[in-house]
C-alpha atoms as a PDB file:
ATOM      1  CA  MET A   1      96.475 105.433 126.600  1.00  0.00           C
ATOM      2  CA  LEU A   2      93.970 107.035 124.304  1.00  0.00           C
ATOM      3  CA  ILE A   3      95.401 109.190 121.780  1.00  0.00           C
ATOM      4  CA  LEU A   4      93.350 110.728 118.938  1.00  0.00           C
ATOM      5  CA  GLY A   5      91.021 107.397 118.870  1.00  0.00           C
ATOM      6  CA  THR A   6      94.000 105.106 119.424  1.00  0.00           C
ATOM      7  CA  HIS A   7      95.018 103.030 121.835  1.00  0.00           C
ATOM      8  CA  LEU A   8      98.897 103.769 122.163  1.00  0.00           C
ATOM      9  CA  ASN A   9     101.258 100.443 124.242  1.00  0.00           C
ATOM     10  CA  GLN A  10     102.787 102.096 126.917  1.00  0.00           C
ATOM     11  CA  ASN A  11     105.808  99.902 127.309  1.00  0.00           C
ATOM     12  CA  GLN A  12     106.965 101.214 123.881  1.00  0.00           C
ATOM     13  CA  PRO A  13     109.359 104.244 123.439  1.00  0.00           C
ATOM     14  CA  LEU A  14     107.346 107.050 122.535  1.00  0.00           C
ATOM     15  CA  VAL A  15     108.221 107.607 119.185  1.00  0.00           C
ATOM     16  CA  ILE A  16     107.453 103.680 118.367  1.00  0.00           C
ATOM     17  CA  SER A  17     104.109 104.399 120.196  1.00  0.00           C
ATOM     18  CA  LEU A  18     103.165 107.171 118.516  1.00  0.00           C
ATOM     19  CA  GLN A  19     103.620 105.961 114.548  1.00  0.00           C
ATOM     20  CA  SER A  20     100.512 103.723 115.394  1.00  0.00           C
ATOM     21  CA  ILE A  21      98.965 106.961 115.074  1.00  0.00           C
ATOM     22  CA  PHE A  22      97.572 107.414 111.565  1.00  0.00           C
ATOM     23  CA  GLY A  23      98.837 109.954 109.437  1.00  0.00           C
ATOM     24  CA  LEU A  24     102.158 110.154 112.034  1.00  0.00           C
ATOM     25  CA  ASN A  25     105.404 108.984 110.441  1.00  0.00           C
ATOM     26  CA  ASP A  26     109.122 109.002 112.142  1.00  0.00           C
ATOM     27  CA  THR A  27     110.028 112.120 111.253  1.00  0.00           C
ATOM     28  CA  LYS A  28     106.475 113.819 112.887  1.00  0.00           C
ATOM     29  CA  ALA A  29     106.898 111.882 115.797  1.00  0.00           C
ATOM     30  CA  LEU A  30     109.861 113.122 116.476  1.00  0.00           C
ATOM     31  CA  LYS A  31     108.983 116.593 116.042  1.00  0.00           C
ATOM     32  CA  ILE A  32     106.491 116.287 118.453  1.00  0.00           C
ATOM     33  CA  CYS A  33     108.907 114.679 120.820  1.00  0.00           C
ATOM     34  CA  SER A  34     110.649 117.667 120.841  1.00  0.00           C
ATOM     35  CA  LEU A  35     107.881 120.234 120.960  1.00  0.00           C
ATOM     36  CA  VAL A  36     106.697 118.348 124.020  1.00  0.00           C
ATOM     37  CA  GLY A  37     110.703 118.591 125.511  1.00  0.00           C
ATOM     38  CA  VAL A  38     110.332 115.007 125.914  1.00  0.00           C
ATOM     39  CA  ASN A  39     113.326 112.114 124.801  1.00  0.00           C
ATOM     40  CA  PRO A  40     111.916 110.286 122.438  1.00  0.00           C
ATOM     41  CA  ASN A  41     113.241 106.801 124.055  1.00  0.00           C
ATOM     42  CA  VAL A  42     111.569 107.507 127.196  1.00  0.00           C
ATOM     43  CA  ARG A  43     107.981 105.250 127.934  1.00  0.00           C
ATOM     44  CA  LEU A  44     104.977 106.411 127.731  1.00  0.00           C
ATOM     45  CA  ALA A  45     103.966 105.357 131.335  1.00  0.00           C
ATOM     46  CA  LYS A  46     107.055 107.574 132.768  1.00  0.00           C
ATOM     47  CA  LEU A  47     105.331 110.916 131.115  1.00  0.00           C
ATOM     48  CA  SER A  48     103.874 113.202 133.612  1.00  0.00           C
ATOM     49  CA  LEU A  49     100.003 114.270 133.606  1.00  0.00           C
ATOM     50  CA  ASN A  50     101.461 117.790 132.519  1.00  0.00           C
ATOM     51  CA  GLN A  51     103.390 116.300 129.477  1.00  0.00           C
ATOM     52  CA  LEU A  52     100.562 113.924 128.437  1.00  0.00           C
ATOM     53  CA  ASN A  53      98.131 117.027 128.171  1.00  0.00           C
ATOM     54  CA  LYS A  54     100.817 118.856 126.213  1.00  0.00           C
ATOM     55  CA  LEU A  55     101.604 115.869 124.054  1.00  0.00           C
ATOM     56  CA  THR A  56      97.437 115.453 123.122  1.00  0.00           C
ATOM     57  CA  ARG A  57      96.916 118.985 122.459  1.00  0.00           C
ATOM     58  CA  ILE A  58     100.112 119.113 119.757  1.00  0.00           C
ATOM     59  CA  CYS A  59      99.016 115.486 118.232  1.00  0.00           C
ATOM     60  CA  ARG A  60      95.734 117.391 117.680  1.00  0.00           C
ATOM     61  CA  GLU A  61      97.335 120.165 115.910  1.00  0.00           C
ATOM     62  CA  GLU A  62      99.550 118.515 114.126  1.00  0.00           C
ATOM     63  CA  ILE A  63      97.253 115.470 112.618  1.00  0.00           C
ATOM     64  CA  ASP A  64      94.249 116.813 110.637  1.00  0.00           C
ATOM     65  CA  THR A  65      91.220 114.581 111.944  1.00  0.00           C
ATOM     66  CA  SER A  66      89.759 114.156 108.823  1.00  0.00           C
ATOM     67  CA  LEU A  67      92.384 112.611 106.826  1.00  0.00           C
ATOM     68  CA  THR A  68      90.663 109.476 106.569  1.00  0.00           C
ATOM     69  CA  ARG A  69      87.642 111.505 105.473  1.00  0.00           C
ATOM     70  CA  TYR A  70      89.802 113.013 102.827  1.00  0.00           C
ATOM     71  CA  ILE A  71      91.121 110.137 101.331  1.00  0.00           C
ATOM     72  CA  GLN A  72      87.396 107.940 100.974  1.00  0.00           C
ATOM     73  CA  ASN A  73      85.905 111.839  99.132  1.00  0.00           C
ATOM     74  CA  ASP A  74      88.861 111.410  96.924  1.00  0.00           C
ATOM     75  CA  VAL A  75      88.472 107.660  96.392  1.00  0.00           C
ATOM     76  CA  GLN A  76      84.098 108.414  95.772  1.00  0.00           C
ATOM     77  CA  ARG A  77      85.711 111.631  93.606  1.00  0.00           C
ATOM     78  CA  LEU A  78      87.677 109.173  91.132  1.00  0.00           C
ATOM     79  CA  ILE A  79      84.217 106.663  91.155  1.00  0.00           C
ATOM     80  CA  GLN A  80      82.102 109.273  90.271  1.00  0.00           C
ATOM     81  CA  LEU A  81      84.263 111.182  87.560  1.00  0.00           C
ATOM     82  CA  LYS A  82      84.625 107.407  85.785  1.00  0.00           C
ATOM     83  CA  HIS A  83      88.313 107.711  86.567  1.00  0.00           C
ATOM     84  CA  TYR A  84      90.322 104.018  85.566  1.00  0.00           C
ATOM     85  CA  ARG A  85      91.580 104.110  89.012  1.00  0.00           C
ATOM     86  CA  GLY A  86      87.802 105.211  90.258  1.00  0.00           C
ATOM     87  CA  THR A  87      86.579 101.763  88.690  1.00  0.00           C
ATOM     88  CA  ARG A  88      89.644  99.853  89.813  1.00  0.00           C
ATOM     89  CA  HIS A  89      88.766 101.147  93.343  1.00  0.00           C
ATOM     90  CA  MET A  90      84.804  99.907  92.712  1.00  0.00           C
ATOM     91  CA  PHE A  91      85.762  96.286  91.603  1.00  0.00           C
ATOM     92  CA  GLY A  92      87.665  96.219  94.447  1.00  0.00           C
ATOM     93  CA  LEU A  93      90.873  95.287  92.102  1.00  0.00           C
ATOM     94  CA  PRO A  94      94.884  97.048  92.190  1.00  0.00           C
ATOM     95  CA  SER A  95      94.630 100.442  90.941  1.00  0.00           C
ATOM     96  CA  ARG A  96      98.113 101.001  90.701  1.00  0.00           C
ATOM     97  CA  GLY A  97      99.349  99.135  87.680  1.00  0.00           C
ATOM     98  CA  GLN A  98     100.082  95.887  89.300  1.00  0.00           C
ATOM     99  CA  ARG A  99      99.506  92.522  87.346  1.00  0.00           C
ATOM    100  CA  THR A 100      96.441  90.462  87.954  1.00  0.00           C
ATOM    101  CA  ARG A 101      96.852  87.692  86.146  1.00  0.00           C
ATOM    102  CA  THR A 102      99.195  85.632  88.470  1.00  0.00           C
ATOM    103  CA  ASN A 103      99.176  87.793  91.587  1.00  0.00           C
ATOM    104  CA  ALA A 104      96.721  89.884  93.518  1.00  0.00           C
ATOM    105  CA  GLN A 105      94.260  87.104  93.918  1.00  0.00           C
ATOM    106  CA  THR A 106      93.350  88.281  97.645  1.00  0.00           C
ATOM    107  CA  SER A 107      92.261  91.584  96.302  1.00  0.00           C
ATOM    108  CA  LYS A 108      90.225  89.489  93.555  1.00  0.00           C
ATOM    109  CA  LYS A 109      88.345  87.018  95.889  1.00  0.00           C
ATOM    110  CA  ILE A 110      84.860  87.981  96.285  1.00  0.00           C
ATOM    111  CA  LYS A 111      83.570  88.372  99.245  1.00  0.00           C
ATOM    112  CA  THR A 112      83.010  86.757 102.022  1.00  0.00           C
ATOM    113  CA  PRO A 113      78.756  86.855 102.449  1.00  0.00           C
ATOM    114  CA  LEU A 114      78.718  86.956  98.421  1.00  0.00           C
ATOM    115  CA  ARG A 115      80.583  83.517  98.409  1.00  0.00           C
ATOM    116  CA  ALA A 116      78.409  82.582 101.026  1.00  0.00           C
ATOM    117  CA  ILE A 117      75.319  83.639  99.162  1.00  0.00           C
ATOM    118  CA  SER A 118      76.675  82.238  95.953  1.00  0.00           C
ATOM    119  CA  ARG A 119      77.823  78.652  97.553  1.00  0.00           C
ATOM    120  CA  LEU A 120      73.882  78.369  98.672  1.00  0.00           C
ATOM    121  CA  SER A 121      71.983  79.167  95.597  1.00  0.00           C
ATOM    122  CA  GLY A 122      74.687  76.454  94.180  1.00  0.00           C
ATOM    123  CA  LYS A 123      73.122  74.005  96.544  1.00  0.00           C
ATOM    124  CA  VAL A 124      69.970  74.485  95.878  1.00  0.00           C
ATOM    125  CA  LYS A 125      70.052  74.102  92.128  1.00  0.00           C
ATOM    126  CA  ARG A 126      71.888  71.101  92.494  1.00  0.00           C
ATOM    127  CA  GLN A 127      68.816  69.870  94.598  1.00  0.00           C
ATOM    128  CA  LYS A 128      66.340  70.070  92.343  1.00  0.00           C
END
């Protein structure tokens, strides 16, 4: 089942499968189930066509589809203002005060294509 661009598992209870949609937590999922008039523990595969149409309509109303775009615009605004958090986002470092001396090694790693280019350039220099 595809709702708002997200594939939902039909074998899980409705509340759990709704939580896989970006922007829906457990309380919003329970609210949607009550608005549709369905038990939250019902499997998605057992819903009728009328209930599925009502579910998709209510999900569109509850969730702002531009939520990811809003978050990306907020990060870009921080980068343009040269805010501290924006520079941390720009360099791929933790932006919420975590330490980077011993932890956060995955966020400090160079991206894979850049690492491959640097390896190739290193091999060329060694051969000379």
